[in-house]
């Protein structure tokens, strides 16, 4: 007996980033809830009494708390696919403060393309944090870093904070990177 065929995946190309504007606040907030729901498995969080999750990264972005913050909605084949938020890193350079791709488009290349596009917009020092127990995330960011800078990236674990699981960080400097268009 053969198993039934899975439904076809949604179209995933082209992948584009669109700067988050005032009209996109509700879309970003809704996607932020999906993002926090996904992370609730790893952080052991449950929703608030009203059924929503706290989402500090999106809240800070929408409040304009960090003038260096940037946000983009990801689209794939002109459909909403996720979001990327970046901010200044306390140690200098930039960081990804939140990154989300809807489940139906994961493992299609949408996330990789969106990450590459966002990071290439701002050459310089990058520090990207993730949790290693989140399946596939270390491989994802390692692949992105390798595509951007070859083997000129580092990975290290940060001390575990009392309130959440430990972070791992990939760091690299895009200015020195051997990627097409960088002729230095």
N, C-alpha and C. Protein backbone atom coordinates (compact mmCIF):
# COMPACT_ATOMS: atom_id res chain seq x y z
N UNK A 1 0.85 -1.18 0.00
CA UNK A 1 0.00 0.00 0.00
C UNK A 1 0.89 1.25 0.00
N UNK A 2 0.63 2.13 -0.91
CA UNK A 2 1.41 3.36 -0.98
C UNK A 2 0.71 4.45 -0.19
N UNK A 3 1.52 5.32 0.37
CA UNK A 3 0.94 6.43 1.12
C UNK A 3 0.48 7.51 0.14
N UNK A 4 -0.54 8.25 0.53
CA UNK A 4 -1.04 9.30 -0.36
C UNK A 4 0.03 10.37 -0.58
N UNK A 5 0.00 10.94 -1.75
CA UNK A 5 0.97 11.99 -2.09
C UNK A 5 0.68 13.25 -1.27
N UNK A 6 1.74 13.90 -0.85
CA UNK A 6 1.59 15.16 -0.13
C UNK A 6 1.11 16.23 -1.10
N UNK A 7 0.36 17.21 -0.60
CA UNK A 7 -0.06 18.29 -1.50
C UNK A 7 1.16 19.05 -1.99
N UNK A 8 1.07 19.66 -3.16
CA UNK A 8 2.22 20.40 -3.69
C UNK A 8 2.55 21.59 -2.79
N UNK A 9 3.82 21.93 -2.75
CA UNK A 9 4.25 23.09 -1.97
C UNK A 9 3.81 24.36 -2.68
N UNK A 10 3.61 25.43 -1.91
CA UNK A 10 3.28 26.70 -2.55
C UNK A 10 4.47 27.20 -3.37
N UNK A 11 4.22 28.02 -4.37
CA UNK A 11 5.33 28.59 -5.14
C UNK A 11 6.27 29.37 -4.21
N UNK A 12 7.57 29.30 -4.49
CA UNK A 12 8.54 29.94 -3.59
C UNK A 12 9.47 30.93 -4.27
N UNK A 13 9.27 31.24 -5.52
CA UNK A 13 10.12 32.20 -6.21
C UNK A 13 9.26 33.20 -6.97
N UNK A 14 9.68 34.42 -7.10
CA UNK A 14 10.88 35.01 -6.55
C UNK A 14 10.71 35.34 -5.06
N UNK A 15 11.85 35.43 -4.36
CA UNK A 15 11.87 35.84 -2.96
C UNK A 15 12.27 37.31 -2.94
N UNK A 16 11.48 38.11 -2.24
CA UNK A 16 11.76 39.54 -2.16
C UNK A 16 11.60 40.02 -0.72
N UNK A 17 12.33 41.07 -0.39
CA UNK A 17 12.20 41.74 0.90
C UNK A 17 11.55 43.09 0.67
N UNK A 18 10.56 43.41 1.50
CA UNK A 18 9.84 44.69 1.40
C UNK A 18 9.96 45.38 2.75
N UNK A 19 10.52 46.59 2.80
CA UNK A 19 10.66 47.29 4.08
C UNK A 19 9.30 47.40 4.78
N UNK A 20 9.32 47.13 6.09
CA UNK A 20 8.09 47.24 6.87
C UNK A 20 7.75 48.71 7.03
N UNK A 21 6.56 49.08 6.61
CA UNK A 21 6.06 50.44 6.77
C UNK A 21 4.90 50.47 7.74
N UNK A 22 4.41 51.64 7.98
CA UNK A 22 3.30 51.82 8.93
C UNK A 22 2.09 50.94 8.56
N UNK A 23 1.81 50.79 7.28
CA UNK A 23 0.67 49.99 6.83
C UNK A 23 0.87 48.50 7.08
N UNK A 24 2.10 48.08 7.38
CA UNK A 24 2.42 46.66 7.59
C UNK A 24 2.43 46.24 9.05
N UNK A 25 2.08 47.13 9.96
CA UNK A 25 2.17 46.83 11.39
C UNK A 25 1.35 45.59 11.76
N UNK A 26 0.14 45.49 11.27
CA UNK A 26 -0.72 44.35 11.62
C UNK A 26 -0.15 43.05 11.06
N UNK A 27 0.37 43.09 9.84
CA UNK A 27 0.95 41.89 9.23
C UNK A 27 2.15 41.43 10.07
N UNK A 28 3.03 42.36 10.43
CA UNK A 28 4.20 42.00 11.23
C UNK A 28 3.79 41.47 12.60
N UNK A 29 2.81 42.09 13.22
CA UNK A 29 2.32 41.61 14.52
C UNK A 29 1.76 40.20 14.41
N UNK A 30 0.98 39.93 13.37
CA UNK A 30 0.41 38.59 13.20
C UNK A 30 1.50 37.55 12.94
N UNK A 31 2.46 37.87 12.07
CA UNK A 31 3.56 36.95 11.82
C UNK A 31 4.40 36.75 13.09
N UNK A 32 4.54 37.81 13.86
CA UNK A 32 5.27 37.71 15.13
C UNK A 32 4.63 36.71 16.08
N UNK A 33 3.31 36.62 16.07
CA UNK A 33 2.62 35.64 16.91
C UNK A 33 2.92 34.21 16.44
N UNK A 34 2.97 34.01 15.15
CA UNK A 34 3.33 32.68 14.62
C UNK A 34 4.77 32.33 15.00
N UNK A 35 5.65 33.31 14.90
CA UNK A 35 7.06 33.13 15.28
C UNK A 35 7.17 32.72 16.75
N UNK A 36 6.50 33.45 17.61
CA UNK A 36 6.57 33.14 19.05
C UNK A 36 5.92 31.78 19.35
N UNK A 37 4.86 31.44 18.63
CA UNK A 37 4.25 30.12 18.81
C UNK A 37 5.26 29.03 18.48
N UNK A 38 5.98 29.19 17.36
CA UNK A 38 7.01 28.21 16.99
C UNK A 38 8.06 28.08 18.09
N UNK A 39 8.50 29.20 18.64
CA UNK A 39 9.53 29.17 19.68
C UNK A 39 9.02 28.68 21.02
N UNK A 40 7.72 28.69 21.22
CA UNK A 40 7.17 28.29 22.53
C UNK A 40 7.54 26.85 22.86
N UNK A 41 7.71 26.01 21.86
CA UNK A 41 8.11 24.62 22.08
C UNK A 41 9.48 24.55 22.76
N UNK A 42 10.39 25.43 22.35
CA UNK A 42 11.76 25.40 22.86
C UNK A 42 11.91 26.20 24.15
N UNK A 43 11.16 27.30 24.28
CA UNK A 43 11.24 28.14 25.46
C UNK A 43 10.27 27.71 26.56
N UNK A 44 9.41 26.74 26.24
CA UNK A 44 8.39 26.27 27.19
C UNK A 44 7.45 27.41 27.62
N UNK A 45 7.12 28.30 26.67
CA UNK A 45 6.20 29.39 26.94
C UNK A 45 4.77 28.97 26.60
N UNK A 46 3.84 29.54 27.32
CA UNK A 46 2.42 29.37 27.00
C UNK A 46 1.86 30.75 26.72
N UNK A 47 0.75 30.82 26.00
CA UNK A 47 0.21 32.15 25.68
C UNK A 47 -0.32 32.87 26.91
N UNK A 48 -0.47 34.18 26.75
CA UNK A 48 -1.11 35.00 27.78
C UNK A 48 -2.59 34.62 27.87
N UNK A 49 -3.28 35.19 28.82
CA UNK A 49 -4.71 34.88 29.00
C UNK A 49 -5.55 35.21 27.78
N UNK A 50 -5.10 36.18 26.99
CA UNK A 50 -5.87 36.55 25.79
C UNK A 50 -5.48 35.71 24.56
N UNK A 51 -4.62 34.72 24.75
CA UNK A 51 -4.23 33.83 23.66
C UNK A 51 -3.05 34.32 22.84
N UNK A 52 -2.45 35.44 23.20
CA UNK A 52 -1.30 35.97 22.47
C UNK A 52 -0.01 35.67 23.23
N UNK A 53 1.08 35.71 22.50
CA UNK A 53 2.41 35.55 23.09
C UNK A 53 3.08 36.91 23.18
N UNK A 54 3.91 37.10 24.19
CA UNK A 54 4.75 38.29 24.24
C UNK A 54 5.76 38.18 23.11
N UNK A 55 6.03 39.30 22.45
CA UNK A 55 6.99 39.31 21.34
C UNK A 55 7.84 40.56 21.43
N UNK A 56 8.86 40.49 22.26
CA UNK A 56 9.71 41.65 22.54
C UNK A 56 10.37 42.21 21.28
N UNK A 57 10.89 41.36 20.40
CA UNK A 57 11.59 41.85 19.22
C UNK A 57 10.66 42.67 18.32
N UNK A 58 9.46 42.16 18.06
CA UNK A 58 8.51 42.90 17.22
C UNK A 58 8.01 44.15 17.93
N UNK A 59 7.73 44.03 19.24
CA UNK A 59 7.26 45.20 20.00
C UNK A 59 8.29 46.33 19.98
N UNK A 60 9.56 46.00 20.21
CA UNK A 60 10.61 47.02 20.19
C UNK A 60 10.76 47.63 18.81
N UNK A 61 10.67 46.80 17.78
CA UNK A 61 10.77 47.32 16.42
C UNK A 61 9.62 48.29 16.13
N UNK A 62 8.40 47.89 16.43
CA UNK A 62 7.24 48.73 16.14
C UNK A 62 7.24 50.01 16.98
N UNK A 63 7.83 49.95 18.18
CA UNK A 63 7.91 51.14 19.03
C UNK A 63 8.99 52.11 18.57
N UNK A 64 9.84 51.66 17.65
CA UNK A 64 10.93 52.51 17.20
C UNK A 64 11.99 52.73 18.27
N UNK A 65 12.14 51.76 19.18
CA UNK A 65 13.06 51.89 20.31
C UNK A 65 14.52 51.94 19.89
N UNK A 66 14.87 51.34 18.77
CA UNK A 66 16.25 51.31 18.30
C UNK A 66 16.30 51.96 16.93
N UNK A 67 16.91 53.14 16.82
CA UNK A 67 16.95 53.81 15.52
C UNK A 67 17.71 53.03 14.45
N UNK A 68 18.52 52.05 14.86
CA UNK A 68 19.26 51.23 13.90
C UNK A 68 18.46 50.03 13.43
N UNK A 69 17.28 49.80 14.00
CA UNK A 69 16.47 48.64 13.61
C UNK A 69 15.94 48.79 12.20
N UNK A 70 15.91 47.66 11.52
CA UNK A 70 15.33 47.60 10.17
C UNK A 70 14.44 46.36 10.12
N UNK A 71 13.38 46.44 9.36
CA UNK A 71 12.48 45.30 9.23
C UNK A 71 12.00 45.15 7.81
N UNK A 72 11.88 43.89 7.40
CA UNK A 72 11.39 43.57 6.07
C UNK A 72 10.39 42.43 6.16
N UNK A 73 9.35 42.52 5.36
CA UNK A 73 8.48 41.38 5.14
C UNK A 73 9.10 40.58 4.00
N UNK A 74 9.09 39.27 4.17
CA UNK A 74 9.57 38.38 3.13
C UNK A 74 8.37 37.96 2.30
N UNK A 75 8.49 38.04 0.97
CA UNK A 75 7.46 37.48 0.11
C UNK A 75 8.10 36.42 -0.78
N UNK A 76 7.32 35.43 -1.10
CA UNK A 76 7.72 34.37 -2.04
C UNK A 76 6.59 34.25 -3.04
N UNK A 77 6.91 34.40 -4.31
CA UNK A 77 5.89 34.40 -5.36
C UNK A 77 4.77 35.38 -5.04
N UNK A 78 5.18 36.56 -4.54
CA UNK A 78 4.27 37.67 -4.21
C UNK A 78 3.33 37.38 -3.03
N UNK A 79 3.58 36.33 -2.27
CA UNK A 79 2.75 35.99 -1.10
C UNK A 79 3.57 36.19 0.17
N UNK A 80 2.92 36.58 1.25
CA UNK A 80 3.61 36.78 2.52
C UNK A 80 4.24 35.47 2.96
N UNK A 81 5.54 35.54 3.28
CA UNK A 81 6.28 34.33 3.63
C UNK A 81 6.98 34.42 4.99
N UNK A 82 7.11 35.61 5.57
CA UNK A 82 7.79 35.75 6.85
C UNK A 82 8.31 37.16 7.03
N UNK A 83 9.31 37.28 7.92
CA UNK A 83 9.89 38.59 8.18
C UNK A 83 11.32 38.45 8.69
N UNK A 84 12.06 39.56 8.56
CA UNK A 84 13.42 39.69 9.07
C UNK A 84 13.49 41.01 9.83
N UNK A 85 14.01 40.97 11.05
CA UNK A 85 14.29 42.19 11.81
C UNK A 85 15.77 42.21 12.12
N UNK A 86 16.42 43.34 11.88
CA UNK A 86 17.82 43.50 12.24
C UNK A 86 17.96 44.71 13.16
N UNK A 87 19.03 44.72 13.92
CA UNK A 87 19.29 45.85 14.81
C UNK A 87 20.79 45.98 15.00
N UNK A 88 21.18 47.07 15.65
CA UNK A 88 22.58 47.24 15.99
C UNK A 88 22.96 46.24 17.07
N UNK A 89 24.16 45.72 16.98
CA UNK A 89 24.66 44.79 17.99
C UNK A 89 25.40 45.59 19.07
N UNK A 90 25.17 45.29 20.34
CA UNK A 90 25.85 46.05 21.40
C UNK A 90 27.38 46.06 21.27
N UNK A 91 27.96 45.00 20.68
CA UNK A 91 29.41 44.95 20.49
C UNK A 91 29.86 45.62 19.20
N UNK A 92 28.96 46.26 18.49
CA UNK A 92 29.26 46.88 17.20
C UNK A 92 28.78 46.00 16.07
N UNK A 93 28.45 46.59 14.96
CA UNK A 93 27.95 45.84 13.82
C UNK A 93 26.44 45.64 13.90
N UNK A 94 25.98 44.55 13.29
CA UNK A 94 24.55 44.28 13.16
C UNK A 94 24.23 42.89 13.69
N UNK A 95 22.96 42.68 13.97
CA UNK A 95 22.48 41.37 14.39
C UNK A 95 21.09 41.14 13.80
N UNK A 96 20.73 39.88 13.66
CA UNK A 96 19.37 39.51 13.29
C UNK A 96 18.62 39.41 14.62
N UNK A 97 17.65 40.28 14.84
CA UNK A 97 16.91 40.24 16.10
C UNK A 97 15.71 39.30 16.02
N UNK A 98 15.21 39.04 14.83
CA UNK A 98 14.13 38.06 14.65
C UNK A 98 14.11 37.66 13.18
N UNK A 99 13.87 36.37 12.95
CA UNK A 99 13.84 35.83 11.59
C UNK A 99 12.80 34.73 11.56
N UNK A 100 11.85 34.83 10.63
CA UNK A 100 10.76 33.87 10.60
C UNK A 100 10.33 33.61 9.17
N UNK A 101 10.16 32.33 8.83
CA UNK A 101 9.58 31.89 7.56
C UNK A 101 8.44 30.95 7.91
N UNK A 102 7.29 31.14 7.26
CA UNK A 102 6.13 30.30 7.54
C UNK A 102 6.47 28.84 7.23
N UNK A 103 5.87 27.94 7.98
CA UNK A 103 6.20 26.52 7.87
C UNK A 103 6.03 25.94 6.47
N UNK A 104 5.02 26.38 5.75
CA UNK A 104 4.76 25.84 4.41
C UNK A 104 5.86 26.15 3.41
N UNK A 105 6.74 27.11 3.73
CA UNK A 105 7.82 27.48 2.82
C UNK A 105 9.21 27.15 3.35
N UNK A 106 9.27 26.50 4.49
CA UNK A 106 10.57 26.11 5.03
C UNK A 106 11.16 24.98 4.18
N UNK A 107 12.46 24.97 4.10
CA UNK A 107 13.22 23.99 3.33
C UNK A 107 12.95 24.10 1.82
N UNK A 108 12.59 25.31 1.39
CA UNK A 108 12.42 25.58 -0.04
C UNK A 108 13.47 26.56 -0.55
N UNK A 109 14.32 27.08 0.34
CA UNK A 109 15.31 28.08 -0.01
C UNK A 109 14.86 29.51 0.25
N UNK A 110 13.61 29.72 0.60
CA UNK A 110 13.09 31.06 0.85
C UNK A 110 13.87 31.73 1.99
N UNK A 111 14.05 31.04 3.09
CA UNK A 111 14.75 31.61 4.24
C UNK A 111 16.20 31.95 3.91
N UNK A 112 16.89 31.06 3.23
CA UNK A 112 18.29 31.30 2.87
C UNK A 112 18.41 32.53 1.98
N UNK A 113 17.57 32.61 0.97
CA UNK A 113 17.61 33.76 0.06
C UNK A 113 17.29 35.05 0.81
N UNK A 114 16.28 35.03 1.66
CA UNK A 114 15.91 36.23 2.42
C UNK A 114 17.03 36.65 3.37
N UNK A 115 17.64 35.69 4.05
CA UNK A 115 18.75 36.01 4.96
C UNK A 115 19.91 36.63 4.19
N UNK A 116 20.27 36.05 3.06
CA UNK A 116 21.36 36.58 2.25
C UNK A 116 21.05 38.00 1.78
N UNK A 117 19.83 38.23 1.34
CA UNK A 117 19.45 39.56 0.87
C UNK A 117 19.55 40.59 1.99
N UNK A 118 19.01 40.25 3.16
CA UNK A 118 19.01 41.20 4.28
C UNK A 118 20.43 41.53 4.73
N UNK A 119 21.27 40.52 4.87
CA UNK A 119 22.63 40.74 5.35
C UNK A 119 23.46 41.51 4.31
N UNK A 120 23.29 41.20 3.05
CA UNK A 120 24.05 41.90 2.00
C UNK A 120 23.69 43.37 1.89
N UNK A 121 22.52 43.76 2.38
CA UNK A 121 22.14 45.18 2.35
C UNK A 121 23.01 46.02 3.27
N UNK A 122 23.60 45.40 4.29
CA UNK A 122 24.37 46.15 5.28
C UNK A 122 25.71 45.46 5.51
N UNK A 123 26.68 45.66 4.62
CA UNK A 123 28.00 45.06 4.84
C UNK A 123 28.59 45.53 6.17
N UNK A 124 29.41 44.69 6.75
CA UNK A 124 30.05 45.01 8.02
C UNK A 124 30.07 43.79 8.92
N UNK A 125 30.24 44.03 10.19
CA UNK A 125 30.32 42.97 11.20
C UNK A 125 28.91 42.49 11.54
N UNK A 126 28.71 41.18 11.54
CA UNK A 126 27.43 40.57 11.88
C UNK A 126 27.62 39.56 13.00
N UNK A 127 26.64 39.51 13.89
CA UNK A 127 26.59 38.51 14.96
C UNK A 127 25.15 37.98 14.98
N UNK A 128 24.99 36.70 14.67
CA UNK A 128 23.66 36.11 14.55
C UNK A 128 23.51 35.03 15.61
N UNK A 129 22.53 35.23 16.49
CA UNK A 129 22.30 34.29 17.58
C UNK A 129 21.20 33.29 17.25
N UNK A 130 21.35 32.10 17.81
CA UNK A 130 20.35 31.05 17.65
C UNK A 130 20.51 30.06 18.78
N UNK A 131 19.56 29.14 18.90
CA UNK A 131 19.62 28.09 19.91
C UNK A 131 19.86 26.77 19.21
N UNK A 132 20.90 26.07 19.62
CA UNK A 132 21.30 24.84 18.92
C UNK A 132 20.26 23.72 19.01
N UNK A 133 19.43 23.74 20.02
CA UNK A 133 18.44 22.66 20.17
C UNK A 133 17.27 22.84 19.21
N UNK A 134 17.21 23.96 18.51
CA UNK A 134 16.18 24.21 17.51
C UNK A 134 16.62 23.47 16.24
N UNK A 135 15.93 22.40 15.85
CA UNK A 135 16.40 21.55 14.75
C UNK A 135 16.69 22.32 13.46
N UNK A 136 17.86 22.10 12.92
CA UNK A 136 18.22 22.67 11.63
C UNK A 136 18.77 24.08 11.65
N UNK A 137 18.61 24.80 12.76
CA UNK A 137 18.99 26.21 12.76
C UNK A 137 20.50 26.42 12.66
N UNK A 138 21.29 25.58 13.30
CA UNK A 138 22.74 25.73 13.19
C UNK A 138 23.20 25.49 11.75
N UNK A 139 22.67 24.47 11.12
CA UNK A 139 23.02 24.19 9.72
C UNK A 139 22.58 25.35 8.82
N UNK A 140 21.39 25.90 9.08
CA UNK A 140 20.88 27.01 8.28
C UNK A 140 21.83 28.20 8.33
N UNK A 141 22.15 28.69 9.55
CA UNK A 141 22.99 29.88 9.68
C UNK A 141 24.43 29.60 9.25
N UNK A 142 24.91 28.38 9.44
CA UNK A 142 26.25 28.03 8.96
C UNK A 142 26.31 28.09 7.44
N UNK A 143 25.25 27.60 6.78
CA UNK A 143 25.18 27.65 5.32
C UNK A 143 25.14 29.09 4.83
N UNK A 144 24.33 29.93 5.50
CA UNK A 144 24.24 31.34 5.12
C UNK A 144 25.61 32.00 5.28
N UNK A 145 26.26 31.81 6.42
CA UNK A 145 27.56 32.42 6.67
C UNK A 145 28.59 31.95 5.64
N UNK A 146 28.59 30.67 5.33
CA UNK A 146 29.54 30.13 4.35
C UNK A 146 29.30 30.72 2.98
N UNK A 147 28.04 30.87 2.59
CA UNK A 147 27.75 31.47 1.29
C UNK A 147 28.20 32.93 1.23
N UNK A 148 28.13 33.62 2.37
CA UNK A 148 28.52 35.03 2.41
C UNK A 148 30.02 35.24 2.48
N UNK A 149 30.71 34.46 3.33
CA UNK A 149 32.12 34.75 3.61
C UNK A 149 33.05 33.53 3.53
N UNK A 150 32.59 32.44 2.93
CA UNK A 150 33.42 31.24 2.87
C UNK A 150 33.63 30.68 4.27
N UNK A 151 34.87 30.38 4.61
CA UNK A 151 35.13 29.84 5.95
C UNK A 151 35.59 30.91 6.93
N UNK A 152 35.37 32.18 6.60
CA UNK A 152 35.79 33.29 7.45
C UNK A 152 34.73 33.67 8.48
N UNK A 153 34.15 32.69 9.13
CA UNK A 153 33.18 32.95 10.19
C UNK A 153 33.55 32.11 11.39
N UNK A 154 33.04 32.54 12.54
CA UNK A 154 33.30 31.86 13.81
C UNK A 154 31.98 31.53 14.48
N UNK A 155 32.01 30.52 15.31
CA UNK A 155 30.83 30.12 16.07
C UNK A 155 31.25 29.95 17.52
N UNK A 156 30.43 30.43 18.44
CA UNK A 156 30.72 30.26 19.86
C UNK A 156 29.42 30.28 20.67
N UNK A 157 29.48 29.64 21.82
CA UNK A 157 28.34 29.61 22.74
C UNK A 157 28.48 30.74 23.76
N UNK A 158 27.36 31.36 24.07
CA UNK A 158 27.33 32.40 25.10
C UNK A 158 26.94 31.76 26.43
N UNK A 159 27.26 32.41 27.53
CA UNK A 159 26.81 31.89 28.82
C UNK A 159 25.28 31.83 28.86
N UNK A 160 24.75 30.83 29.52
CA UNK A 160 23.29 30.65 29.59
C UNK A 160 22.69 31.66 30.57
N UNK A 161 21.75 32.50 30.09
CA UNK A 161 21.05 33.40 31.00
C UNK A 161 20.10 32.61 31.90
N UNK A 162 19.75 33.18 33.03
CA UNK A 162 18.88 32.48 33.98
C UNK A 162 17.46 32.31 33.46
N UNK A 163 17.02 33.20 32.57
CA UNK A 163 15.62 33.22 32.16
C UNK A 163 15.31 32.48 30.87
N UNK A 164 16.33 32.02 30.16
CA UNK A 164 16.06 31.35 28.89
C UNK A 164 17.23 30.46 28.50
N UNK A 165 17.05 29.64 27.49
CA UNK A 165 18.12 28.75 27.05
C UNK A 165 19.33 29.52 26.51
N UNK A 166 20.50 28.88 26.47
CA UNK A 166 21.71 29.56 25.98
C UNK A 166 21.65 29.83 24.49
N UNK A 167 22.35 30.86 24.09
CA UNK A 167 22.46 31.20 22.67
C UNK A 167 23.82 30.77 22.14
N UNK A 168 23.84 30.48 20.85
CA UNK A 168 25.06 30.25 20.10
C UNK A 168 25.12 31.38 19.09
N UNK A 169 26.32 31.85 18.79
CA UNK A 169 26.47 32.97 17.86
C UNK A 169 27.42 32.62 16.73
N UNK A 170 27.02 33.01 15.53
CA UNK A 170 27.90 32.99 14.37
C UNK A 170 28.27 34.44 14.11
N UNK A 171 29.57 34.69 13.96
CA UNK A 171 30.03 36.05 13.69
C UNK A 171 30.88 36.05 12.43
N UNK A 172 30.76 37.13 11.67
CA UNK A 172 31.55 37.30 10.46
C UNK A 172 31.56 38.76 10.08
N UNK A 173 32.49 39.11 9.21
CA UNK A 173 32.62 40.46 8.72
C UNK A 173 32.41 40.43 7.21
N UNK A 174 31.31 40.98 6.77
CA UNK A 174 30.97 40.94 5.35
C UNK A 174 31.87 41.84 4.51
N UNK A 175 32.48 42.85 5.09
CA UNK A 175 33.34 43.76 4.34
C UNK A 175 34.52 43.02 3.75
N UNK A 176 35.07 42.05 4.49
CA UNK A 176 36.23 41.31 4.02
C UNK A 176 35.84 40.06 3.26
N UNK A 177 34.57 39.86 3.05
CA UNK A 177 34.08 38.60 2.50
C UNK A 177 34.38 38.43 1.02
N UNK A 178 34.74 37.20 0.61
CA UNK A 178 34.97 36.93 -0.81
C UNK A 178 33.68 36.58 -1.53
N UNK A 179 32.77 37.53 -1.70
CA UNK A 179 31.53 37.28 -2.40
C UNK A 179 31.49 38.13 -3.66
N UNK A 180 30.73 37.72 -4.65
CA UNK A 180 30.66 38.48 -5.90
C UNK A 180 30.27 39.93 -5.63
N UNK A 181 30.99 40.84 -6.20
CA UNK A 181 30.71 42.25 -6.00
C UNK A 181 31.66 42.88 -4.99
N UNK A 182 32.34 42.08 -4.17
CA UNK A 182 33.31 42.60 -3.22
C UNK A 182 34.69 42.36 -3.82
N UNK A 183 35.28 43.37 -4.37
CA UNK A 183 36.55 43.22 -5.09
C UNK A 183 37.75 43.68 -4.26
N UNK A 184 37.58 43.92 -2.97
CA UNK A 184 38.70 44.40 -2.17
C UNK A 184 39.68 43.33 -1.80
